[in-house]
């Protein structure tokens, strides 16, 4: 019997779709908003599991780590893509490669 309740990944995608252009949030913040405050890592897994055809619908690039940095340390090309996408939306990275939460945090 299938439940009408959305699964965790679907909830993560719904929340991520709410992030406006020019704003970012953290994996941990999405975890809190999803009702699973200790699931920041699972948020990352959910966003990493996005199918190619869904990447245009879900603005995964707007989710960064709690220190305001991009988290794709082992996937350099994806990190470069994420930074370019964010910069195209007006997000500015400081000299330490971090985003100023006071300027760009959502919500």
C-alpha atoms as a PDB file:
ATOM      1  CA  UNK A   1       0.000   0.000   0.000  1.00  0.00           C
ATOM      2  CA  UNK A   2       1.507   3.284  -1.137  1.00  0.00           C
ATOM      3  CA  UNK A   3       1.451   6.216   1.256  1.00  0.00           C
ATOM      4  CA  UNK A   4       0.312   9.655   0.112  1.00  0.00           C
ATOM      5  CA  UNK A   5       2.963  11.162   2.359  1.00  0.00           C
ATOM      6  CA  UNK A   6       5.993  12.366   0.336  1.00  0.00           C
ATOM      7  CA  UNK A   7       9.267  10.593   1.025  1.00  0.00           C
ATOM      8  CA  UNK A   8      12.289  12.401   2.440  1.00  0.00           C
ATOM      9  CA  UNK A   9      13.911  13.038  -0.959  1.00  0.00           C
ATOM     10  CA  UNK A  10      10.678  14.531  -2.317  1.00  0.00           C
ATOM     11  CA  UNK A  11      10.447  16.827   0.723  1.00  0.00           C
ATOM     12  CA  UNK A  12      14.067  17.929   0.183  1.00  0.00           C
ATOM     13  CA  UNK A  13      13.295  18.690  -3.470  1.00  0.00           C
ATOM     14  CA  UNK A  14      10.148  20.664  -2.561  1.00  0.00           C
ATOM     15  CA  UNK A  15      12.063  22.782  -0.049  1.00  0.00           C
ATOM     16  CA  UNK A  16      14.959  23.311  -2.462  1.00  0.00           C
ATOM     17  CA  UNK A  17      12.534  24.496  -5.151  1.00  0.00           C
ATOM     18  CA  UNK A  18      11.423  27.240  -2.718  1.00  0.00           C
ATOM     19  CA  UNK A  19      14.874  28.824  -2.514  1.00  0.00           C
ATOM     20  CA  UNK A  20      14.685  32.028  -4.558  1.00  0.00           C
ATOM     21  CA  UNK A  21      17.229  32.920  -7.191  1.00  0.00           C
ATOM     22  CA  UNK A  22      20.111  34.848  -5.621  1.00  0.00           C
ATOM     23  CA  UNK A  23      19.788  33.101  -2.240  1.00  0.00           C
ATOM     24  CA  UNK A  24      21.397  30.025  -0.684  1.00  0.00           C
ATOM     25  CA  UNK A  25      20.744  27.781   2.266  1.00  0.00           C
ATOM     26  CA  UNK A  26      22.591  24.976   4.001  1.00  0.00           C
ATOM     27  CA  UNK A  27      22.065  21.242   4.018  1.00  0.00           C
ATOM     28  CA  UNK A  28      21.359  21.502   7.738  1.00  0.00           C
ATOM     29  CA  UNK A  29      18.733  24.198   7.270  1.00  0.00           C
ATOM     30  CA  UNK A  30      16.884  22.037   4.746  1.00  0.00           C
ATOM     31  CA  UNK A  31      17.093  19.140   7.204  1.00  0.00           C
ATOM     32  CA  UNK A  32      15.477  21.312   9.899  1.00  0.00           C
ATOM     33  CA  UNK A  33      12.783  22.555   7.509  1.00  0.00           C
ATOM     34  CA  UNK A  34      12.043  18.959   6.515  1.00  0.00           C
ATOM     35  CA  UNK A  35      11.406  18.016  10.138  1.00  0.00           C
ATOM     36  CA  UNK A  36      14.619  15.958  10.335  1.00  0.00           C
ATOM     37  CA  UNK A  37      17.119  18.274  12.051  1.00  0.00           C
ATOM     38  CA  UNK A  38      19.922  15.695  12.171  1.00  0.00           C
ATOM     39  CA  UNK A  39      19.687  14.728   8.497  1.00  0.00           C
ATOM     40  CA  UNK A  40      21.993  17.275   6.829  1.00  0.00           C
ATOM     41  CA  UNK A  41      24.086  14.522   5.246  1.00  0.00           C
ATOM     42  CA  UNK A  42      20.937  12.829   3.933  1.00  0.00           C
ATOM     43  CA  UNK A  43      19.949  16.137   2.297  1.00  0.00           C
ATOM     44  CA  UNK A  44      23.258  16.012   0.440  1.00  0.00           C
ATOM     45  CA  UNK A  45      22.556  12.430  -0.631  1.00  0.00           C
ATOM     46  CA  UNK A  46      19.102  13.450  -1.873  1.00  0.00           C
ATOM     47  CA  UNK A  47      20.461  16.321  -3.954  1.00  0.00           C
ATOM     48  CA  UNK A  48      23.270  14.158  -5.302  1.00  0.00           C
ATOM     49  CA  UNK A  49      20.681  11.559  -6.353  1.00  0.00           C
ATOM     50  CA  UNK A  50      18.810  14.016  -8.583  1.00  0.00           C
ATOM     51  CA  UNK A  51      18.270  12.614 -12.039  1.00  0.00           C
ATOM     52  CA  UNK A  52      19.699  14.704 -14.900  1.00  0.00           C
ATOM     53  CA  UNK A  53      16.216  15.568 -16.173  1.00  0.00           C
ATOM     54  CA  UNK A  54      15.248  16.937 -12.723  1.00  0.00           C
ATOM     55  CA  UNK A  55      18.334  19.151 -12.239  1.00  0.00           C
ATOM     56  CA  UNK A  56      16.626  21.970 -14.155  1.00  0.00           C
ATOM     57  CA  UNK A  57      13.564  21.790 -11.860  1.00  0.00           C
ATOM     58  CA  UNK A  58      15.389  21.568  -8.531  1.00  0.00           C
ATOM     59  CA  UNK A  59      17.972  24.340  -7.963  1.00  0.00           C
ATOM     60  CA  UNK A  60      20.476  22.051  -6.194  1.00  0.00           C
ATOM     61  CA  UNK A  61      23.214  24.639  -6.623  1.00  0.00           C
ATOM     62  CA  UNK A  62      21.563  26.880  -4.013  1.00  0.00           C
ATOM     63  CA  UNK A  63      22.399  24.446  -1.212  1.00  0.00           C
ATOM     64  CA  UNK A  64      25.863  24.819   0.324  1.00  0.00           C
ATOM     65  CA  UNK A  65      27.494  23.741   3.551  1.00  0.00           C
ATOM     66  CA  UNK A  66      27.063  25.438   6.932  1.00  0.00           C
ATOM     67  CA  UNK A  67      30.313  27.352   6.613  1.00  0.00           C
ATOM     68  CA  UNK A  68      29.072  28.983   3.409  1.00  0.00           C
ATOM     69  CA  UNK A  69      31.228  26.947   1.038  1.00  0.00           C
ATOM     70  CA  UNK A  70      30.635  24.505  -1.797  1.00  0.00           C
ATOM     71  CA  UNK A  71      30.943  20.889  -0.674  1.00  0.00           C
ATOM     72  CA  UNK A  72      31.982  18.967  -3.807  1.00  0.00           C
ATOM     73  CA  UNK A  73      35.592  18.504  -2.748  1.00  0.00           C
ATOM     74  CA  UNK A  74      36.128  15.259  -4.665  1.00  0.00           C
ATOM     75  CA  UNK A  75      34.173  16.369  -7.748  1.00  0.00           C
ATOM     76  CA  UNK A  76      35.974  19.467  -8.983  1.00  0.00           C
ATOM     77  CA  UNK A  77      33.935  19.855 -12.164  1.00  0.00           C
ATOM     78  CA  UNK A  78      30.656  19.801 -10.218  1.00  0.00           C
ATOM     79  CA  UNK A  79      32.031  22.349  -7.727  1.00  0.00           C
ATOM     80  CA  UNK A  80      33.057  24.647 -10.582  1.00  0.00           C
ATOM     81  CA  UNK A  81      29.619  24.257 -12.161  1.00  0.00           C
ATOM     82  CA  UNK A  82      27.886  25.023  -8.861  1.00  0.00           C
ATOM     83  CA  UNK A  83      29.965  28.157  -8.329  1.00  0.00           C
ATOM     84  CA  UNK A  84      29.323  29.378 -11.889  1.00  0.00           C
ATOM     85  CA  UNK A  85      25.582  28.793 -11.516  1.00  0.00           C
ATOM     86  CA  UNK A  86      25.501  30.679  -8.209  1.00  0.00           C
ATOM     87  CA  UNK A  87      27.568  33.559  -9.552  1.00  0.00           C
ATOM     88  CA  UNK A  88      25.222  33.798 -12.552  1.00  0.00           C
ATOM     89  CA  UNK A  89      22.406  34.329 -10.020  1.00  0.00           C
ATOM     90  CA  UNK A  90      24.297  37.160  -8.319  1.00  0.00           C
ATOM     91  CA  UNK A  91      25.827  35.199  -5.438  1.00  0.00           C
ATOM     92  CA  UNK A  92      29.233  36.628  -4.536  1.00  0.00           C
ATOM     93  CA  UNK A  93      31.994  34.515  -3.029  1.00  0.00           C
ATOM     94  CA  UNK A  94      34.424  36.161  -0.646  1.00  0.00           C
ATOM     95  CA  UNK A  95      38.197  35.721  -0.892  1.00  0.00           C
ATOM     96  CA  UNK A  96      37.950  32.626   1.332  1.00  0.00           C
ATOM     97  CA  UNK A  97      35.560  30.994  -1.214  1.00  0.00           C
ATOM     98  CA  UNK A  98      32.628  31.379   1.150  1.00  0.00           C
ATOM     99  CA  UNK A  99      29.278  33.115   0.800  1.00  0.00           C
ATOM    100  CA  UNK A 100      28.293  35.836   3.267  1.00  0.00           C
ATOM    101  CA  UNK A 101      25.255  34.369   5.033  1.00  0.00           C
ATOM    102  CA  UNK A 102      24.060  37.830   6.100  1.00  0.00           C
ATOM    103  CA  UNK A 103      23.650  38.795   2.443  1.00  0.00           C
ATOM    104  CA  UNK A 104      22.503  35.601   0.763  1.00  0.00           C
ATOM    105  CA  UNK A 105      20.879  33.289   3.326  1.00  0.00           C
ATOM    106  CA  UNK A 106      17.397  31.897   2.824  1.00  0.00           C
ATOM    107  CA  UNK A 107      15.083  31.837   4.723  1.00  0.00           C
END
